[in-house]
Amino acid sequence: MNFDTSRISLHFSQPNLLYQVGRESNFGELDDRTAKILTSLASEEGICFQISCRTISRRAAPGKKGSRKPGANELQYVMNTIVYGSQNLRDPVGDYLTKCGVHLQDPIDCDRNVPYSNPHILSRTDELVMTASLLSLSTTPEIEKIIAQEDLFSELSSDSHLSLTDAPEAIATPLYG
C-alpha cells in the first residue's frame, strides 16, 4: 500500500456529497451511515469540520477466475475528518460518536492551532495541548540507525555478564568443574 503525500481538502454538503475545496465539481459521495453522522454533528451550533483525504494505490482486486490485469491499480482514498467545536460540546460529541461506533483519533493534518481536546483519549494531566504541537503525517519521523555487532544473539545469551556466586553449604557438588 503506497500513501501519496498530497492532501486533498474537501467540503461536506448534505445529504452525502463531498466537494474538493476550490472546485465546484462533485468529488465523491459518502456512505449513508457516515453522511448521517456528519449531518447530525453539523446540525449543532458551533460545530464545523476539516475534511481531507489522501490517495492510496492498491493492487487491483482479482477478477473472475483470479486473474488480474497487469499494472491495473485502483485508486482509493483515506478520509480524515477533524471536528471543531466549543469545549462544552466535547463530551456530548464524544458520547454521540461512541454510540455510533466511531472513535476520535489524533487530528492528522490539522490546519488550525487550537486546543486539542479529544473525549476518547484519557489524559493524565490537565496541561493544555495545542494541535500545532501534534505530529503530522507530512512530517518525516526521526530514525536512529542502530549498528549491531555481528553475533548479537550470542551476546544476549552469554553467561559472562552474570557473576558466579558460591554454592550453599548444603550442596556438595560444584556447578562448574
Protein backbone atom coordinates (compact mmCIF):
# COMPACT_ATOMS: atom_id res chain seq x y z
CA MET A 1 0.00 0.00 0.00
CA ASN A 2 1.51 3.35 -1.02
CA PHE A 3 0.46 6.63 0.53
CA ASP A 4 0.51 9.76 -1.56
CA THR A 5 1.80 12.73 0.41
CA SER A 6 -0.61 15.19 -1.18
CA ARG A 7 -3.69 16.06 0.82
CA ILE A 8 -6.99 16.93 -0.84
CA SER A 9 -9.18 19.34 1.13
CA LEU A 10 -12.88 18.57 0.96
CA HIS A 11 -16.19 20.17 1.92
CA PHE A 12 -19.24 18.17 3.05
CA SER A 13 -22.60 19.07 1.54
CA GLN A 14 -25.75 17.38 2.79
CA PRO A 15 -27.10 14.82 2.27
CA ASN A 16 -23.90 12.92 1.31
CA LEU A 17 -21.74 14.84 -1.16
CA LEU A 18 -18.07 15.81 -0.94
CA TYR A 19 -16.65 18.69 -2.97
CA GLN A 20 -12.97 19.48 -3.41
CA VAL A 21 -12.23 22.89 -1.91
CA GLY A 22 -11.66 25.39 -4.72
CA ARG A 23 -13.56 23.34 -7.29
CA GLU A 24 -17.28 23.20 -7.93
CA SER A 25 -17.41 19.61 -9.14
CA ASN A 26 -18.60 16.67 -7.08
CA PHE A 27 -15.57 14.81 -5.63
CA GLY A 28 -17.48 11.83 -4.29
CA GLU A 29 -20.25 10.52 -2.11
CA LEU A 30 -20.20 9.29 1.48
CA ASP A 31 -21.92 6.11 2.56
CA ASP A 32 -25.29 6.69 4.27
CA ARG A 33 -24.02 5.97 7.79
CA THR A 34 -21.09 8.42 7.62
CA ALA A 35 -23.27 11.08 5.96
CA LYS A 36 -25.90 10.77 8.74
CA ILE A 37 -23.23 11.13 11.44
CA LEU A 38 -21.75 14.26 9.82
CA THR A 39 -25.22 15.72 9.18
CA SER A 40 -26.18 15.20 12.82
CA LEU A 41 -22.97 16.81 14.09
CA ALA A 42 -23.27 19.71 11.63
CA SER A 43 -26.76 20.49 12.96
CA GLU A 44 -25.23 21.51 16.32
CA GLU A 45 -24.45 25.20 16.73
CA GLY A 46 -20.70 25.84 16.67
CA ILE A 47 -19.55 22.55 15.14
CA CYS A 48 -17.58 22.59 11.91
CA PHE A 49 -15.31 20.14 10.10
CA GLN A 50 -11.98 19.96 8.35
CA ILE A 51 -12.22 17.07 5.91
CA SER A 52 -9.29 15.87 3.87
CA CYS A 53 -8.23 12.74 2.10
CA ARG A 54 -5.09 11.13 0.79
CA THR A 55 -4.86 8.74 -2.10
CA ILE A 56 -3.57 5.24 -1.69
CA SER A 57 -2.71 2.90 -4.54
CA ARG A 58 -3.74 -0.69 -4.14
CA ARG A 59 -3.37 -3.57 -6.48
CA ALA A 60 -6.46 -4.30 -8.48
CA ALA A 61 -8.83 -6.78 -6.92
CA PRO A 62 -8.76 -10.21 -8.56
CA GLY A 63 -11.30 -10.54 -11.33
CA LYS A 64 -13.10 -13.66 -12.41
CA LYS A 65 -11.03 -16.82 -12.09
CA GLY A 66 -8.44 -14.96 -10.00
CA SER A 67 -6.89 -13.09 -12.93
CA ARG A 68 -5.51 -9.59 -12.58
CA LYS A 69 -4.85 -7.19 -15.37
CA PRO A 70 -1.13 -6.41 -15.37
CA GLY A 71 -0.41 -2.96 -13.94
CA ALA A 72 -4.06 -2.24 -13.18
CA ASN A 73 -4.25 -0.48 -9.82
CA GLU A 74 -7.36 1.09 -8.42
CA LEU A 75 -7.15 4.49 -6.77
CA GLN A 76 -8.61 4.60 -3.28
CA TYR A 77 -8.85 7.35 -0.69
CA VAL A 78 -8.43 7.51 3.06
CA MET A 79 -10.63 10.26 4.52
CA ASN A 80 -9.94 12.14 7.75
CA THR A 81 -12.46 14.40 9.44
CA ILE A 82 -11.47 16.77 12.23
CA VAL A 83 -14.38 18.00 14.35
CA TYR A 84 -14.07 21.54 15.75
CA GLY A 85 -16.37 22.92 18.42
CA SER A 86 -16.52 24.59 21.80
CA GLN A 87 -15.32 22.88 24.97
CA ASN A 88 -18.89 22.44 26.27
CA LEU A 89 -19.69 20.24 23.22
CA ARG A 90 -16.71 17.95 23.83
CA ASP A 91 -18.44 15.30 25.96
CA PRO A 92 -21.81 15.27 24.13
CA VAL A 93 -20.00 14.85 20.79
CA GLY A 94 -17.82 12.10 22.29
CA ASP A 95 -20.87 10.28 23.68
CA TYR A 96 -22.74 10.56 20.36
CA LEU A 97 -19.78 9.24 18.36
CA THR A 98 -19.30 6.38 20.83
CA LYS A 99 -22.94 5.36 20.34
CA CYS A 100 -22.29 5.45 16.57
CA GLY A 101 -19.25 3.20 16.97
CA VAL A 102 -16.85 5.95 15.89
CA HIS A 103 -13.85 6.93 17.99
CA LEU A 104 -11.84 10.10 17.51
CA GLN A 105 -8.11 9.83 16.85
CA ASP A 106 -5.32 12.38 16.51
CA PRO A 107 -6.14 15.25 14.13
CA ILE A 108 -3.98 14.43 11.10
CA ASP A 109 -3.00 17.48 9.00
CA CYS A 110 -4.89 19.89 11.26
CA ASP A 111 -4.70 23.36 9.68
CA ARG A 112 -5.61 25.29 12.86
CA ASN A 113 -3.71 25.87 16.06
CA VAL A 114 -6.46 25.29 18.61
CA PRO A 115 -6.59 23.50 21.97
CA TYR A 116 -6.69 19.73 21.43
CA SER A 117 -9.47 18.08 23.38
CA ASN A 118 -10.38 14.51 22.49
CA PRO A 119 -13.10 12.89 24.65
CA HIS A 120 -11.91 9.43 23.59
CA ILE A 121 -8.38 9.82 24.96
CA LEU A 122 -7.73 9.66 28.68
CA SER A 123 -5.33 12.34 29.82
CA ARG A 124 -3.18 12.08 32.91
CA THR A 125 -2.61 15.79 33.01
CA ASP A 126 -4.65 18.97 32.72
CA GLU A 127 -1.93 20.51 30.54
CA LEU A 128 -3.23 22.50 27.56
CA VAL A 129 -2.09 20.83 24.33
CA MET A 130 -2.34 22.75 21.08
CA THR A 131 -2.96 20.97 17.78
CA ALA A 132 0.15 22.54 16.22
CA SER A 133 2.29 20.57 18.67
CA LEU A 134 0.93 17.22 17.45
CA LEU A 135 2.89 15.17 14.90
CA SER A 136 1.52 15.28 11.36
CA LEU A 137 1.84 12.65 8.63
CA SER A 138 3.61 15.22 6.50
CA THR A 139 6.47 15.35 9.00
CA THR A 140 9.29 12.91 8.41
CA PRO A 141 9.91 10.89 11.57
CA GLU A 142 13.37 10.86 13.05
CA ILE A 143 15.00 7.47 12.67
CA GLU A 144 18.03 6.42 14.62
CA LYS A 145 20.22 3.82 12.98
CA ILE A 146 21.49 1.05 15.21
CA ILE A 147 24.66 -0.74 14.21
CA ALA A 148 24.76 -4.13 15.87
CA GLN A 149 27.66 -6.48 16.31
CA GLU A 150 27.78 -9.49 14.04
CA ASP A 151 26.58 -12.02 16.61
CA LEU A 152 24.14 -10.04 18.76
CA PHE A 153 22.11 -13.05 19.91
CA SER A 154 25.14 -14.92 21.26
CA GLU A 155 25.96 -11.79 23.28
CA LEU A 156 22.45 -11.77 24.75
CA SER A 157 22.56 -15.44 25.70
CA SER A 158 26.07 -15.29 27.13
CA ASP A 159 26.54 -16.02 30.84
CA SER A 160 29.57 -13.76 31.03
CA HIS A 161 27.52 -10.86 32.33
CA LEU A 162 26.36 -12.92 35.34
CA SER A 163 28.77 -13.23 38.22
CA LEU A 164 29.09 -16.65 39.83
CA THR A 165 28.11 -16.99 43.46
CA ASP A 166 29.31 -19.58 45.88
CA ALA A 167 27.06 -22.62 46.20
CA PRO A 168 25.21 -23.02 49.50
CA GLU A 169 26.98 -25.28 52.02
CA ALA A 170 24.24 -27.92 51.65
CA ILE A 171 25.28 -28.56 48.02
CA ALA A 172 28.47 -30.56 47.83
CA THR A 173 28.81 -30.90 44.01
CA PRO A 174 30.05 -27.74 42.23
CA LEU A 175 28.06 -26.45 39.23
CA TYR A 176 31.14 -25.85 37.10
CA GLY A 177 34.15 -28.08 37.42
